[in-house]
Protein backbone atom coordinates (compact mmCIF):
# COMPACT_ATOMS: atom_id res chain seq x y z
CA UNK A 1 6.91 -8.37 28.84
CA UNK A 2 6.84 -5.06 26.98
CA UNK A 3 5.42 -6.76 23.90
CA UNK A 4 2.66 -8.30 25.98
CA UNK A 5 1.83 -4.91 27.53
CA UNK A 6 1.74 -3.39 24.02
CA UNK A 7 -0.62 -6.17 22.85
CA UNK A 8 -2.89 -5.64 25.84
CA UNK A 9 -3.11 -1.95 24.95
CA UNK A 10 -4.14 -2.83 21.40
CA UNK A 11 -6.70 -5.35 22.65
CA UNK A 12 -8.17 -2.84 25.09
CA UNK A 13 -9.08 -0.57 22.20
CA UNK A 14 -11.10 -3.40 20.65
CA UNK A 15 -13.53 -3.54 23.57
CA UNK A 16 -14.38 0.18 23.49
CA UNK A 17 -17.94 0.71 22.23
CA UNK A 18 -16.87 3.96 20.51
CA UNK A 19 -13.45 5.09 19.31
CA UNK A 20 -12.02 7.85 21.48
CA UNK A 21 -11.11 11.15 19.87
CA UNK A 22 -8.11 11.06 17.54
CA UNK A 23 -6.72 13.99 19.52
CA UNK A 24 -5.99 11.48 22.26
CA UNK A 25 -3.33 10.20 19.88
CA UNK A 26 -1.25 13.27 20.68
CA UNK A 27 -0.42 11.57 23.97
CA UNK A 28 1.86 9.30 21.96
CA UNK A 29 4.60 11.94 22.10
CA UNK A 30 4.86 12.16 25.90
CA UNK A 31 4.46 8.38 26.11
CA UNK A 32 7.48 7.91 23.87
CA UNK A 33 9.51 10.40 25.88
CA UNK A 34 8.65 8.63 29.14
CA UNK A 35 9.38 5.24 27.55
CA UNK A 36 12.89 6.34 26.54
CA UNK A 37 13.79 8.30 29.68
CA UNK A 38 12.20 6.39 32.59
CA UNK A 39 12.93 2.64 32.27
CA UNK A 40 10.81 1.62 35.25
CA UNK A 41 7.70 2.94 33.48
CA UNK A 42 8.42 0.83 30.37
CA UNK A 43 5.49 -1.56 30.88
CA UNK A 44 2.95 1.19 31.47
CA UNK A 45 4.14 3.22 28.51
CA UNK A 46 4.25 0.10 26.29
CA UNK A 47 0.59 -0.44 27.16
CA UNK A 48 -0.22 3.20 26.41
CA UNK A 49 1.70 3.10 23.13
CA UNK A 50 -0.18 0.00 22.01
CA UNK A 51 -3.49 1.67 22.77
CA UNK A 52 -2.54 4.95 21.11
CA UNK A 53 -1.02 3.42 17.98
CA UNK A 54 -4.09 1.20 17.51
CA UNK A 55 -6.31 4.27 18.02
CA UNK A 56 -4.47 6.31 15.39
CA UNK A 57 -4.49 3.42 12.94
CA UNK A 58 -8.23 2.85 13.44
CA UNK A 59 -8.99 6.51 12.77
CA UNK A 60 -6.71 6.47 9.73
CA UNK A 61 -8.53 3.44 8.30
CA UNK A 62 -11.98 4.91 8.98
CA UNK A 63 -11.02 8.23 7.40
CA UNK A 64 -11.09 6.80 3.88
CA UNK A 65 -14.47 8.08 2.75
CA UNK A 66 -16.42 7.33 -0.36
CA UNK A 67 -15.38 9.72 -3.16
CA UNK A 68 -17.76 12.65 -3.55
CA UNK A 69 -18.45 11.72 -7.19
CA UNK A 70 -20.00 8.41 -6.06
CA UNK A 71 -22.24 9.83 -3.34
CA UNK A 72 -26.03 9.86 -3.89
CA UNK A 73 -25.76 7.63 -6.96
CA UNK A 74 -27.45 4.33 -7.50
CA UNK A 75 -25.03 1.54 -8.30
CA UNK A 76 -25.35 -2.13 -9.07
CA UNK A 77 -22.95 -4.28 -7.08
CA UNK A 78 -22.35 -7.81 -8.35
CA UNK A 79 -20.52 -10.52 -6.44
CA UNK A 80 -20.16 -14.26 -6.18
CA UNK A 81 -20.18 -16.59 -3.20
CA UNK A 82 -16.92 -18.51 -3.14
CA UNK A 83 -17.83 -20.95 -0.39
CA UNK A 84 -20.34 -21.45 2.36
CA UNK A 85 -18.90 -22.10 5.81
């Protein structure tokens, strides 16, 4: 059940139109403390942990910017089509 609650938290993040602030990720610390100390709140905190971990990972992935040396430069990008669905 906890794994399902965690998955639902991750899936909830995917329907947000905009990512919430990464500072919301700081709530992961109290969520972990509640998860370990109050067993009856395990499902709620599993849901919150899924949401918060997905949020932090999304911000981490989006933080990889284009290197400054490549900004404002024209580049030629070449690719091939492997297959057409």
